[in-house]
Amino acid sequence: MNDEEKFSALVIGALMAVFALIGLMLASHALDVEMSIFGWSLAAFALVFLFGLIRRHFDQEAAAKNEEVRRHG
């Protein structure tokens, strides 16, 4: 993972955190069920996406360590 990919993952992660907060605010201030469902869905999607970014980061880090071990014995 190069620096450009790390920076883009950081920016996307920050945007997803903002979307999660917006979703929670929508759900908490909703006057109807539909907007509440949309807010909770937006927050849930953003959290799942963030966990996916975190998993991808650690998977790539582990793969790089395994490759280094394989090269050096």
PDB file of N, CA and C in Angstrom:
ATOM      1  N   MET A   1       0.857  -1.171   0.000  1.00  0.00           N
ATOM      2  CA  MET A   1       0.000   0.000   0.000  1.00  0.00           C
ATOM      3  C   MET A   1       0.901   1.231   0.000  1.00  0.00           C
ATOM      4  N   ASN A   2       0.779   2.033  -1.032  1.00  0.00           N
ATOM      5  CA  ASN A   2       1.623   3.215  -1.120  1.00  0.00           C
ATOM      6  C   ASN A   2       0.989   4.388  -0.368  1.00  0.00           C
ATOM      7  N   ASP A   3       1.718   5.508  -0.341  1.00  0.00           N
ATOM      8  CA  ASP A   3       1.255   6.658   0.429  1.00  0.00           C
ATOM      9  C   ASP A   3      -0.043   7.240  -0.118  1.00  0.00           C
ATOM     10  N   GLU A   4      -0.201   7.206  -1.438  1.00  0.00           N
ATOM     11  CA  GLU A   4      -1.419   7.748  -2.040  1.00  0.00           C
ATOM     12  C   GLU A   4      -2.652   6.942  -1.615  1.00  0.00           C
ATOM     13  N   GLU A   5      -2.527   5.627  -1.583  1.00  0.00           N
ATOM     14  CA  GLU A   5      -3.637   4.775  -1.153  1.00  0.00           C
ATOM     15  C   GLU A   5      -3.935   4.962   0.331  1.00  0.00           C
ATOM     16  N   LYS A   6      -2.897   5.147   1.133  1.00  0.00           N
ATOM     17  CA  LYS A   6      -3.108   5.379   2.569  1.00  0.00           C
ATOM     18  C   LYS A   6      -3.842   6.697   2.796  1.00  0.00           C
ATOM     19  N   PHE A   7      -3.435   7.734   2.068  1.00  0.00           N
ATOM     20  CA  PHE A   7      -4.077   9.040   2.225  1.00  0.00           C
ATOM     21  C   PHE A   7      -5.524   8.998   1.754  1.00  0.00           C
ATOM     22  N   SER A   8      -5.783   8.334   0.637  1.00  0.00           N
ATOM     23  CA  SER A   8      -7.154   8.265   0.141  1.00  0.00           C
ATOM     24  C   SER A   8      -8.037   7.452   1.092  1.00  0.00           C
ATOM     25  N   ALA A   9      -7.498   6.395   1.686  1.00  0.00           N
ATOM     26  CA  ALA A   9      -8.267   5.621   2.663  1.00  0.00           C
ATOM     27  C   ALA A   9      -8.568   6.474   3.894  1.00  0.00           C
ATOM     28  N   LEU A  10      -7.627   7.309   4.288  1.00  0.00           N
ATOM     29  CA  LEU A  10      -7.847   8.201   5.437  1.00  0.00           C
ATOM     30  C   LEU A  10      -8.942   9.216   5.136  1.00  0.00           C
ATOM     31  N   VAL A  11      -8.913   9.797   3.944  1.00  0.00           N
ATOM     32  CA  VAL A  11      -9.930  10.784   3.565  1.00  0.00           C
ATOM     33  C   VAL A  11     -11.303  10.124   3.479  1.00  0.00           C
ATOM     34  N   ILE A  12     -11.379   8.974   2.832  1.00  0.00           N
ATOM     35  CA  ILE A  12     -12.653   8.267   2.723  1.00  0.00           C
ATOM     36  C   ILE A  12     -13.159   7.854   4.103  1.00  0.00           C
ATOM     37  N   GLY A  13     -12.251   7.422   4.969  1.00  0.00           N
ATOM     38  CA  GLY A  13     -12.643   7.071   6.327  1.00  0.00           C
ATOM     39  C   GLY A  13     -13.208   8.257   7.092  1.00  0.00           C
ATOM     40  N   ALA A  14     -12.598   9.425   6.917  1.00  0.00           N
ATOM     41  CA  ALA A  14     -13.106  10.628   7.581  1.00  0.00           C
ATOM     42  C   ALA A  14     -14.493  10.991   7.050  1.00  0.00           C
ATOM     43  N   LEU A  15     -14.676  10.884   5.733  1.00  0.00           N
ATOM     44  CA  LEU A  15     -15.987  11.172   5.152  1.00  0.00           C
ATOM     45  C   LEU A  15     -17.047  10.188   5.642  1.00  0.00           C
ATOM     46  N   MET A  16     -16.683   8.926   5.768  1.00  0.00           N
ATOM     47  CA  MET A  16     -17.631   7.933   6.269  1.00  0.00           C
ATOM     48  C   MET A  16     -17.980   8.197   7.731  1.00  0.00           C
ATOM     49  N   ALA A  17     -17.019   8.664   8.514  1.00  0.00           N
ATOM     50  CA  ALA A  17     -17.320   9.014   9.906  1.00  0.00           C
ATOM     51  C   ALA A  17     -18.306  10.182   9.963  1.00  0.00           C
ATOM     52  N   VAL A  18     -18.130  11.148   9.071  1.00  0.00           N
ATOM     53  CA  VAL A  18     -19.071  12.276   9.003  1.00  0.00           C
ATOM     54  C   VAL A  18     -20.444  11.781   8.577  1.00  0.00           C
ATOM     55  N   PHE A  19     -20.499  10.883   7.590  1.00  0.00           N
ATOM     56  CA  PHE A  19     -21.786  10.326   7.160  1.00  0.00           C
ATOM     57  C   PHE A  19     -22.466   9.563   8.298  1.00  0.00           C
ATOM     58  N   ALA A  20     -21.683   8.843   9.091  1.00  0.00           N
ATOM     59  CA  ALA A  20     -22.261   8.120  10.226  1.00  0.00           C
ATOM     60  C   ALA A  20     -22.876   9.099  11.222  1.00  0.00           C
ATOM     61  N   LEU A  21     -22.182  10.189  11.499  1.00  0.00           N
ATOM     62  CA  LEU A  21     -22.724  11.195  12.420  1.00  0.00           C
ATOM     63  C   LEU A  21     -23.966  11.867  11.852  1.00  0.00           C
ATOM     64  N   ILE A  22     -23.956  12.143  10.557  1.00  0.00           N
ATOM     65  CA  ILE A  22     -25.137  12.738   9.919  1.00  0.00           C
ATOM     66  C   ILE A  22     -26.316  11.767  10.013  1.00  0.00           C
ATOM     67  N   GLY A  23     -26.053  10.491   9.771  1.00  0.00           N
ATOM     68  CA  GLY A  23     -27.109   9.488   9.877  1.00  0.00           C
ATOM     69  C   GLY A  23     -27.681   9.408  11.281  1.00  0.00           C
ATOM     70  N   LEU A  24     -26.807   9.469  12.289  1.00  0.00           N
ATOM     71  CA  LEU A  24     -27.294   9.433  13.667  1.00  0.00           C
ATOM     72  C   LEU A  24     -28.107  10.683  14.003  1.00  0.00           C
ATOM     73  N   MET A  25     -27.677  11.828  13.488  1.00  0.00           N
ATOM     74  CA  MET A  25     -28.435  13.059  13.726  1.00  0.00           C
ATOM     75  C   MET A  25     -29.790  13.000  13.028  1.00  0.00           C
ATOM     76  N   LEU A  26     -29.805  12.477  11.794  1.00  0.00           N
ATOM     77  CA  LEU A  26     -31.081  12.320  11.089  1.00  0.00           C
ATOM     78  C   LEU A  26     -32.026  11.398  11.856  1.00  0.00           C
ATOM     79  N   ALA A  27     -31.498  10.293  12.342  1.00  0.00           N
ATOM     80  CA  ALA A  27     -32.338   9.335  13.058  1.00  0.00           C
ATOM     81  C   ALA A  27     -32.862   9.919  14.370  1.00  0.00           C
ATOM     82  N   SER A  28     -32.033  10.677  15.040  1.00  0.00           N
ATOM     83  CA  SER A  28     -32.467  11.192  16.341  1.00  0.00           C
ATOM     84  C   SER A  28     -33.450  12.353  16.227  1.00  0.00           C
ATOM     85  N   HIS A  29     -33.399  13.103  15.128  1.00  0.00           N
ATOM     86  CA  HIS A  29     -34.288  14.248  14.952  1.00  0.00           C
ATOM     87  C   HIS A  29     -35.425  13.987  13.967  1.00  0.00           C
ATOM     88  N   ALA A  30     -35.599  12.730  13.592  1.00  0.00           N
ATOM     89  CA  ALA A  30     -36.623  12.403  12.601  1.00  0.00           C
ATOM     90  C   ALA A  30     -38.022  12.580  13.177  1.00  0.00           C
ATOM     91  N   LEU A  31     -38.898  13.101  12.335  1.00  0.00           N
ATOM     92  CA  LEU A  31     -40.296  13.259  12.725  1.00  0.00           C
ATOM     93  C   LEU A  31     -41.178  12.144  12.178  1.00  0.00           C
ATOM     94  N   ASP A  32     -40.626  11.362  11.247  1.00  0.00           N
ATOM     95  CA  ASP A  32     -41.375  10.243  10.685  1.00  0.00           C
ATOM     96  C   ASP A  32     -40.482   9.001  10.640  1.00  0.00           C
ATOM     97  N   VAL A  33     -41.113   7.872  10.470  1.00  0.00           N
ATOM     98  CA  VAL A  33     -40.400   6.598  10.513  1.00  0.00           C
ATOM     99  C   VAL A  33     -39.432   6.456   9.343  1.00  0.00           C
ATOM    100  N   GLU A  34     -39.825   6.947   8.181  1.00  0.00           N
ATOM    101  CA  GLU A  34     -38.989   6.793   6.992  1.00  0.00           C
ATOM    102  C   GLU A  34     -37.640   7.484   7.159  1.00  0.00           C
ATOM    103  N   MET A  35     -37.645   8.704   7.681  1.00  0.00           N
ATOM    104  CA  MET A  35     -36.390   9.427   7.864  1.00  0.00           C
ATOM    105  C   MET A  35     -35.553   8.782   8.965  1.00  0.00           C
ATOM    106  N   SER A  36     -36.193   8.245   9.956  1.00  0.00           N
ATOM    107  CA  SER A  36     -35.467   7.541  11.012  1.00  0.00           C
ATOM    108  C   SER A  36     -34.773   6.299  10.451  1.00  0.00           C
ATOM    109  N   ILE A  37     -35.489   5.543   9.634  1.00  0.00           N
ATOM    110  CA  ILE A  37     -34.902   4.351   9.011  1.00  0.00           C
ATOM    111  C   ILE A  37     -33.741   4.740   8.101  1.00  0.00           C
ATOM    112  N   PHE A  38     -33.909   5.818   7.343  1.00  0.00           N
ATOM    113  CA  PHE A  38     -32.825   6.273   6.475  1.00  0.00           C
ATOM    114  C   PHE A  38     -31.606   6.680   7.296  1.00  0.00           C
ATOM    115  N   GLY A  39     -31.815   7.391   8.390  1.00  0.00           N
ATOM    116  CA  GLY A  39     -30.698   7.810   9.238  1.00  0.00           C
ATOM    117  C   GLY A  39     -29.957   6.636   9.832  1.00  0.00           C
ATOM    118  N   TRP A  40     -30.703   5.661  10.376  1.00  0.00           N
ATOM    119  CA  TRP A  40     -30.062   4.471  10.938  1.00  0.00           C
ATOM    120  C   TRP A  40     -29.338   3.677   9.858  1.00  0.00           C
ATOM    121  N   SER A  41     -29.931   3.597   8.666  1.00  0.00           N
ATOM    122  CA  SER A  41     -29.301   2.860   7.564  1.00  0.00           C
ATOM    123  C   SER A  41     -28.012   3.539   7.122  1.00  0.00           C
ATOM    124  N   LEU A  42     -28.032   4.860   7.038  1.00  0.00           N
ATOM    125  CA  LEU A  42     -26.829   5.603   6.655  1.00  0.00           C
ATOM    126  C   LEU A  42     -25.728   5.396   7.680  1.00  0.00           C
ATOM    127  N   ALA A  43     -26.067   5.463   8.951  1.00  0.00           N
ATOM    128  CA  ALA A  43     -25.076   5.254  10.006  1.00  0.00           C
ATOM    129  C   ALA A  43     -24.519   3.828   9.964  1.00  0.00           C
ATOM    130  N   ALA A  44     -25.393   2.856   9.773  1.00  0.00           N
ATOM    131  CA  ALA A  44     -24.949   1.463   9.718  1.00  0.00           C
ATOM    132  C   ALA A  44     -24.041   1.216   8.513  1.00  0.00           C
ATOM    133  N   PHE A  45     -24.423   1.748   7.352  1.00  0.00           N
ATOM    134  CA  PHE A  45     -23.589   1.596   6.161  1.00  0.00           C
ATOM    135  C   PHE A  45     -22.213   2.201   6.383  1.00  0.00           C
ATOM    136  N   ALA A  46     -22.178   3.402   6.957  1.00  0.00           N
ATOM    137  CA  ALA A  46     -20.894   4.072   7.180  1.00  0.00           C
ATOM    138  C   ALA A  46     -20.022   3.275   8.145  1.00  0.00           C
ATOM    139  N   LEU A  47     -20.615   2.726   9.194  1.00  0.00           N
ATOM    140  CA  LEU A  47     -19.831   1.942  10.148  1.00  0.00           C
ATOM    141  C   LEU A  47     -19.302   0.657   9.532  1.00  0.00           C
ATOM    142  N   VAL A  48     -20.125  -0.020   8.749  1.00  0.00           N
ATOM    143  CA  VAL A  48     -19.661  -1.236   8.080  1.00  0.00           C
ATOM    144  C   VAL A  48     -18.533  -0.905   7.101  1.00  0.00           C
ATOM    145  N   PHE A  49     -18.663   0.205   6.397  1.00  0.00           N
ATOM    146  CA  PHE A  49     -17.627   0.625   5.464  1.00  0.00           C
ATOM    147  C   PHE A  49     -16.327   0.937   6.204  1.00  0.00           C
ATOM    148  N   LEU A  50     -16.431   1.612   7.354  1.00  0.00           N
ATOM    149  CA  LEU A  50     -15.237   1.925   8.144  1.00  0.00           C
ATOM    150  C   LEU A  50     -14.555   0.660   8.644  1.00  0.00           C
ATOM    151  N   PHE A  51     -15.335  -0.307   9.125  1.00  0.00           N
ATOM    152  CA  PHE A  51     -14.736  -1.564   9.557  1.00  0.00           C
ATOM    153  C   PHE A  51     -14.074  -2.289   8.384  1.00  0.00           C
ATOM    154  N   GLY A  52     -14.650  -2.163   7.198  1.00  0.00           N
ATOM    155  CA  GLY A  52     -14.027  -2.744   6.006  1.00  0.00           C
ATOM    156  C   GLY A  52     -12.694  -2.084   5.681  1.00  0.00           C
ATOM    157  N   LEU A  53     -12.620  -0.770   5.825  1.00  0.00           N
ATOM    158  CA  LEU A  53     -11.357  -0.062   5.606  1.00  0.00           C
ATOM    159  C   LEU A  53     -10.297  -0.496   6.616  1.00  0.00           C
ATOM    160  N   ILE A  54     -10.715  -0.643   7.869  1.00  0.00           N
ATOM    161  CA  ILE A  54      -9.781  -1.067   8.913  1.00  0.00           C
ATOM    162  C   ILE A  54      -9.287  -2.488   8.626  1.00  0.00           C
ATOM    163  N   ARG A  55     -10.216  -3.382   8.249  1.00  0.00           N
ATOM    164  CA  ARG A  55      -9.835  -4.761   7.934  1.00  0.00           C
ATOM    165  C   ARG A  55      -8.867  -4.806   6.756  1.00  0.00           C
ATOM    166  N   ARG A  56      -9.154  -4.015   5.721  1.00  0.00           N
ATOM    167  CA  ARG A  56      -8.287  -3.986   4.548  1.00  0.00           C
ATOM    168  C   ARG A  56      -6.889  -3.508   4.910  1.00  0.00           C
ATOM    169  N   HIS A  57      -6.812  -2.510   5.775  1.00  0.00           N
ATOM    170  CA  HIS A  57      -5.512  -1.996   6.191  1.00  0.00           C
ATOM    171  C   HIS A  57      -4.685  -3.081   6.874  1.00  0.00           C
ATOM    172  N   PHE A  58      -5.297  -3.764   7.846  1.00  0.00           N
ATOM    173  CA  PHE A  58      -4.550  -4.774   8.585  1.00  0.00           C
ATOM    174  C   PHE A  58      -4.280  -6.016   7.747  1.00  0.00           C
ATOM    175  N   ASP A  59      -5.152  -6.355   6.819  1.00  0.00           N
ATOM    176  CA  ASP A  59      -4.886  -7.479   5.914  1.00  0.00           C
ATOM    177  C   ASP A  59      -3.681  -7.192   5.031  1.00  0.00           C
ATOM    178  N   GLN A  60      -3.603  -5.977   4.499  1.00  0.00           N
ATOM    179  CA  GLN A  60      -2.469  -5.621   3.653  1.00  0.00           C
ATOM    180  C   GLN A  60      -1.178  -5.544   4.459  1.00  0.00           C
ATOM    181  N   GLU A  61      -1.266  -5.083   5.689  1.00  0.00           N
ATOM    182  CA  GLU A  61      -0.087  -5.028   6.548  1.00  0.00           C
ATOM    183  C   GLU A  61       0.419  -6.433   6.857  1.00  0.00           C
ATOM    184  N   ALA A  62      -0.494  -7.345   7.160  1.00  0.00           N
ATOM    185  CA  ALA A  62      -0.110  -8.725   7.447  1.00  0.00           C
ATOM    186  C   ALA A  62       0.465  -9.401   6.199  1.00  0.00           C
ATOM    187  N   ALA A  63      -0.112  -9.119   5.051  1.00  0.00           N
ATOM    188  CA  ALA A  63       0.410  -9.706   3.808  1.00  0.00           C
ATOM    189  C   ALA A  63       1.818  -9.205   3.520  1.00  0.00           C
ATOM    190  N   ALA A  64       2.080  -7.932   3.805  1.00  0.00           N
ATOM    191  CA  ALA A  64       3.425  -7.385   3.585  1.00  0.00           C
ATOM    192  C   ALA A  64       4.426  -8.031   4.540  1.00  0.00           C
ATOM    193  N   LYS A  65       4.033  -8.264   5.789  1.00  0.00           N
ATOM    194  CA  LYS A  65       4.925  -8.928   6.743  1.00  0.00           C
ATOM    195  C   LYS A  65       5.187 -10.369   6.333  1.00  0.00           C
ATOM    196  N   ASN A  66       4.142 -11.072   5.868  1.00  0.00           N
ATOM    197  CA  ASN A  66       4.329 -12.452   5.416  1.00  0.00           C
ATOM    198  C   ASN A  66       5.246 -12.517   4.214  1.00  0.00           C
ATOM    199  N   GLU A  67       5.124 -11.572   3.309  1.00  0.00           N
ATOM    200  CA  GLU A  67       5.996 -11.540   2.137  1.00  0.00           C
ATOM    201  C   GLU A  67       7.440 -11.285   2.551  1.00  0.00           C
ATOM    202  N   GLU A  68       7.634 -10.415   3.518  1.00  0.00           N
ATOM    203  CA  GLU A  68       8.988 -10.128   4.005  1.00  0.00           C
ATOM    204  C   GLU A  68       9.611 -11.342   4.672  1.00  0.00           C
ATOM    205  N   VAL A  69       8.809 -12.062   5.433  1.00  0.00           N
ATOM    206  CA  VAL A  69       9.303 -13.295   6.092  1.00  0.00           C
ATOM    207  C   VAL A  69       9.644 -14.348   5.051  1.00  0.00           C
ATOM    208  N   ARG A  70       8.816 -14.459   4.019  1.00  0.00           N
ATOM    209  CA  ARG A  70       9.073 -15.439   2.968  1.00  0.00           C
ATOM    210  C   ARG A  70      10.364 -15.140   2.218  1.00  0.00           C
ATOM    211  N   ARG A  71      10.626 -13.845   1.985  1.00  0.00           N
ATOM    212  CA  ARG A  71      11.836 -13.482   1.264  1.00  0.00           C
ATOM    213  C   ARG A  71      13.105 -13.744   2.068  1.00  0.00           C
ATOM    214  N   HIS A  72      13.038 -13.474   3.359  1.00  0.00           N
ATOM    215  CA  HIS A  72      14.233 -13.578   4.202  1.00  0.00           C
ATOM    216  C   HIS A  72      14.328 -14.899   4.947  1.00  0.00           C
ATOM    217  N   GLY A  73      13.398 -15.755   4.725  1.00  0.00           N
ATOM    218  CA  GLY A  73      13.477 -17.087   5.289  1.00  0.00           C
ATOM    219  C   GLY A  73      12.957 -17.132   6.654  1.00  0.00           C
TER     220      GLY A  73
END
